[in-house]
Amino acid sequence: MIESFHVYILQNEAKNFTYKGMTNDLERRLAEHNRGACQSTKPYRPLKIVYFETYDTRKEARAREIYFKTGSGRRLLKQILSNQ
């Protein structure tokens, strides 16, 4: 089985919170966030995945996650999310 990596965006609209992360298992990671296992998202539960991208390598996914955390990456992400 070939492993893939996902860059994901979580959101809690009521609390105006967006989180960017990377994982090789989206369902598991979302469950971890929503049960409070991640300190940076714990106060913002419940969270939902509003966007994700899939990559063949951890390196590619990590580069995209880092990009989404930059000013131009946040602008692009805002554009992507507003078009959904």
N, C-alpha and C. Protein backbone atom coordinates (compact mmCIF):
# COMPACT_ATOMS: atom_id res chain seq x y z
N MET A 1 0.84 -1.19 0.00
CA MET A 1 0.00 0.00 0.00
C MET A 1 0.89 1.26 0.00
N ILE A 2 0.60 2.16 -0.89
CA ILE A 2 1.36 3.41 -0.98
C ILE A 2 0.75 4.42 -0.03
N GLU A 3 1.60 4.99 0.80
CA GLU A 3 1.13 5.99 1.77
C GLU A 3 1.04 7.36 1.10
N SER A 4 -0.04 8.06 1.39
CA SER A 4 -0.17 9.44 0.90
C SER A 4 -0.28 10.36 2.11
N PHE A 5 -0.02 11.62 1.86
CA PHE A 5 -0.02 12.62 2.92
C PHE A 5 -1.00 13.73 2.56
N HIS A 6 -1.67 14.24 3.55
CA HIS A 6 -2.71 15.24 3.34
C HIS A 6 -2.38 16.53 4.08
N VAL A 7 -2.57 17.63 3.41
CA VAL A 7 -2.55 18.94 4.05
C VAL A 7 -4.01 19.28 4.24
N TYR A 8 -4.40 19.62 5.46
CA TYR A 8 -5.82 19.83 5.74
C TYR A 8 -6.05 21.17 6.44
N ILE A 9 -7.26 21.65 6.25
CA ILE A 9 -7.67 22.90 6.89
C ILE A 9 -8.88 22.58 7.75
N LEU A 10 -8.78 22.89 9.04
CA LEU A 10 -9.88 22.72 9.97
C LEU A 10 -10.48 24.08 10.26
N GLN A 11 -11.76 24.08 10.58
CA GLN A 11 -12.40 25.36 10.87
C GLN A 11 -13.50 25.20 11.92
N ASN A 12 -13.63 26.23 12.73
CA ASN A 12 -14.77 26.40 13.59
C ASN A 12 -15.26 27.82 13.29
N GLU A 13 -16.30 27.90 12.48
CA GLU A 13 -16.78 29.21 12.04
C GLU A 13 -17.32 30.05 13.19
N ALA A 14 -17.98 29.42 14.14
CA ALA A 14 -18.57 30.16 15.26
C ALA A 14 -17.50 30.91 16.06
N LYS A 15 -16.31 30.33 16.16
CA LYS A 15 -15.23 30.95 16.92
C LYS A 15 -14.21 31.63 16.01
N ASN A 16 -14.51 31.72 14.69
CA ASN A 16 -13.64 32.37 13.72
C ASN A 16 -12.21 31.83 13.81
N PHE A 17 -12.08 30.50 13.73
CA PHE A 17 -10.80 29.82 13.89
C PHE A 17 -10.52 28.91 12.71
N THR A 18 -9.30 28.98 12.19
CA THR A 18 -8.85 28.11 11.11
C THR A 18 -7.50 27.52 11.50
N TYR A 19 -7.32 26.24 11.24
CA TYR A 19 -6.08 25.54 11.57
C TYR A 19 -5.58 24.81 10.34
N LYS A 20 -4.28 24.86 10.10
CA LYS A 20 -3.65 24.17 8.97
C LYS A 20 -2.74 23.09 9.51
N GLY A 21 -2.84 21.88 8.95
CA GLY A 21 -2.01 20.78 9.41
C GLY A 21 -1.71 19.79 8.32
N MET A 22 -0.98 18.73 8.70
CA MET A 22 -0.59 17.68 7.77
C MET A 22 -0.69 16.34 8.47
N THR A 23 -1.12 15.31 7.73
CA THR A 23 -1.25 13.97 8.31
C THR A 23 -1.23 12.92 7.21
N ASN A 24 -1.08 11.67 7.61
CA ASN A 24 -1.23 10.58 6.66
C ASN A 24 -2.56 9.85 6.88
N ASP A 25 -3.38 10.34 7.83
CA ASP A 25 -4.68 9.73 8.12
C ASP A 25 -5.66 10.83 8.56
N LEU A 26 -6.46 11.32 7.63
CA LEU A 26 -7.36 12.44 7.91
C LEU A 26 -8.39 12.13 8.99
N GLU A 27 -9.03 10.98 8.90
CA GLU A 27 -10.08 10.63 9.88
C GLU A 27 -9.52 10.57 11.29
N ARG A 28 -8.38 9.89 11.45
CA ARG A 28 -7.75 9.78 12.77
C ARG A 28 -7.38 11.16 13.31
N ARG A 29 -6.78 11.97 12.45
CA ARG A 29 -6.31 13.29 12.90
C ARG A 29 -7.46 14.20 13.29
N LEU A 30 -8.56 14.18 12.53
CA LEU A 30 -9.73 14.98 12.89
C LEU A 30 -10.28 14.52 14.23
N ALA A 31 -10.34 13.21 14.45
CA ALA A 31 -10.82 12.68 15.73
C ALA A 31 -9.92 13.14 16.87
N GLU A 32 -8.61 13.14 16.67
CA GLU A 32 -7.68 13.61 17.70
C GLU A 32 -7.93 15.08 18.04
N HIS A 33 -8.10 15.90 17.02
CA HIS A 33 -8.37 17.33 17.25
C HIS A 33 -9.68 17.49 18.03
N ASN A 34 -10.71 16.77 17.65
CA ASN A 34 -12.02 16.96 18.27
C ASN A 34 -12.14 16.34 19.66
N ARG A 35 -11.24 15.45 20.03
CA ARG A 35 -11.28 14.94 21.41
C ARG A 35 -10.34 15.72 22.33
N GLY A 36 -9.66 16.73 21.77
CA GLY A 36 -8.83 17.61 22.58
C GLY A 36 -7.39 17.18 22.73
N ALA A 37 -6.92 16.28 21.87
CA ALA A 37 -5.54 15.79 21.97
C ALA A 37 -4.51 16.79 21.46
N CYS A 38 -4.94 17.81 20.77
CA CYS A 38 -4.03 18.83 20.23
C CYS A 38 -4.28 20.15 20.98
N GLN A 39 -3.28 20.60 21.71
CA GLN A 39 -3.45 21.79 22.56
C GLN A 39 -3.83 23.03 21.77
N SER A 40 -3.31 23.17 20.55
CA SER A 40 -3.58 24.40 19.79
C SER A 40 -5.00 24.47 19.26
N THR A 41 -5.70 23.35 19.19
CA THR A 41 -7.09 23.39 18.69
C THR A 41 -8.11 23.06 19.78
N LYS A 42 -7.67 22.61 20.92
CA LYS A 42 -8.58 22.17 21.99
C LYS A 42 -9.66 23.20 22.33
N PRO A 43 -9.33 24.49 22.47
CA PRO A 43 -10.37 25.48 22.83
C PRO A 43 -11.37 25.78 21.70
N TYR A 44 -11.10 25.27 20.51
CA TYR A 44 -11.91 25.64 19.35
C TYR A 44 -12.80 24.51 18.84
N ARG A 45 -12.94 23.47 19.63
CA ARG A 45 -13.79 22.34 19.23
C ARG A 45 -15.25 22.75 19.25
N PRO A 46 -16.08 22.15 18.41
CA PRO A 46 -15.80 21.12 17.42
C PRO A 46 -15.24 21.74 16.13
N LEU A 47 -14.42 20.95 15.47
CA LEU A 47 -13.79 21.37 14.22
C LEU A 47 -14.25 20.47 13.09
N LYS A 48 -14.23 21.02 11.88
CA LYS A 48 -14.54 20.21 10.70
C LYS A 48 -13.49 20.48 9.64
N ILE A 49 -13.26 19.49 8.80
CA ILE A 49 -12.34 19.66 7.68
C ILE A 49 -13.08 20.42 6.58
N VAL A 50 -12.53 21.56 6.19
CA VAL A 50 -13.17 22.35 5.14
C VAL A 50 -12.42 22.26 3.82
N TYR A 51 -11.19 21.73 3.86
CA TYR A 51 -10.39 21.62 2.64
C TYR A 51 -9.21 20.70 2.91
N PHE A 52 -8.82 19.94 1.89
CA PHE A 52 -7.58 19.16 2.00
C PHE A 52 -7.01 18.91 0.61
N GLU A 53 -5.71 18.66 0.59
CA GLU A 53 -4.99 18.29 -0.63
C GLU A 53 -4.17 17.05 -0.31
N THR A 54 -3.96 16.20 -1.30
CA THR A 54 -3.23 14.95 -1.10
C THR A 54 -1.93 14.97 -1.91
N TYR A 55 -0.86 14.49 -1.27
CA TYR A 55 0.46 14.45 -1.89
C TYR A 55 1.07 13.07 -1.74
N ASP A 56 1.99 12.75 -2.64
CA ASP A 56 2.66 11.45 -2.62
C ASP A 56 3.75 11.35 -1.57
N THR A 57 4.34 12.49 -1.20
CA THR A 57 5.45 12.45 -0.24
C THR A 57 5.19 13.41 0.93
N ARG A 58 5.78 13.04 2.05
CA ARG A 58 5.70 13.90 3.24
C ARG A 58 6.34 15.26 2.96
N LYS A 59 7.41 15.27 2.22
CA LYS A 59 8.13 16.50 1.90
C LYS A 59 7.25 17.49 1.13
N GLU A 60 6.52 16.98 0.12
CA GLU A 60 5.62 17.84 -0.66
C GLU A 60 4.50 18.39 0.22
N ALA A 61 3.92 17.53 1.05
CA ALA A 61 2.82 17.96 1.91
C ALA A 61 3.30 18.99 2.93
N ARG A 62 4.46 18.76 3.51
CA ARG A 62 5.00 19.69 4.51
C ARG A 62 5.28 21.06 3.87
N ALA A 63 5.80 21.06 2.65
CA ALA A 63 6.07 22.33 1.95
C ALA A 63 4.77 23.10 1.72
N ARG A 64 3.71 22.39 1.35
CA ARG A 64 2.41 23.05 1.12
C ARG A 64 1.82 23.56 2.43
N GLU A 65 1.94 22.78 3.50
CA GLU A 65 1.46 23.23 4.81
C GLU A 65 2.18 24.51 5.23
N ILE A 66 3.48 24.53 5.07
CA ILE A 66 4.26 25.72 5.43
C ILE A 66 3.83 26.90 4.56
N TYR A 67 3.60 26.67 3.28
CA TYR A 67 3.15 27.75 2.39
C TYR A 67 1.82 28.31 2.86
N PHE A 68 0.87 27.45 3.23
CA PHE A 68 -0.44 27.92 3.69
C PHE A 68 -0.34 28.78 4.95
N LYS A 69 0.76 28.69 5.66
CA LYS A 69 0.94 29.48 6.88
C LYS A 69 1.63 30.81 6.62
N THR A 70 1.97 31.08 5.35
CA THR A 70 2.57 32.38 4.99
C THR A 70 1.46 33.35 4.60
N GLY A 71 1.80 34.60 4.45
CA GLY A 71 0.83 35.61 4.05
C GLY A 71 0.18 35.30 2.70
N SER A 72 1.01 34.99 1.69
CA SER A 72 0.44 34.68 0.38
C SER A 72 -0.33 33.37 0.40
N GLY A 73 0.10 32.40 1.20
CA GLY A 73 -0.62 31.15 1.34
C GLY A 73 -1.98 31.34 2.00
N ARG A 74 -2.03 32.20 3.02
CA ARG A 74 -3.32 32.50 3.68
C ARG A 74 -4.27 33.19 2.72
N ARG A 75 -3.74 34.09 1.88
CA ARG A 75 -4.59 34.76 0.89
C ARG A 75 -5.15 33.76 -0.12
N LEU A 76 -4.29 32.87 -0.61
CA LEU A 76 -4.73 31.84 -1.55
C LEU A 76 -5.78 30.94 -0.91
N LEU A 77 -5.53 30.54 0.31
CA LEU A 77 -6.49 29.67 1.01
C LEU A 77 -7.83 30.37 1.21
N LYS A 78 -7.80 31.63 1.55
CA LYS A 78 -9.05 32.41 1.70
C LYS A 78 -9.82 32.41 0.38
N GLN A 79 -9.11 32.57 -0.73
CA GLN A 79 -9.71 32.56 -2.05
C GLN A 79 -10.32 31.18 -2.36
N ILE A 80 -9.55 30.13 -2.09
CA ILE A 80 -10.03 28.76 -2.33
C ILE A 80 -11.30 28.50 -1.52
N LEU A 81 -11.28 28.84 -0.25
CA LEU A 81 -12.43 28.56 0.63
C LEU A 81 -13.66 29.39 0.26
N SER A 82 -13.45 30.59 -0.24
CA SER A 82 -14.59 31.43 -0.61
C SER A 82 -15.25 30.94 -1.90
N ASN A 83 -14.52 30.16 -2.70
CA ASN A 83 -15.06 29.62 -3.95
C ASN A 83 -15.74 28.28 -3.79
N GLN A 84 -15.75 27.76 -2.60
CA GLN A 84 -16.38 26.44 -2.37
C GLN A 84 -17.87 26.55 -2.18
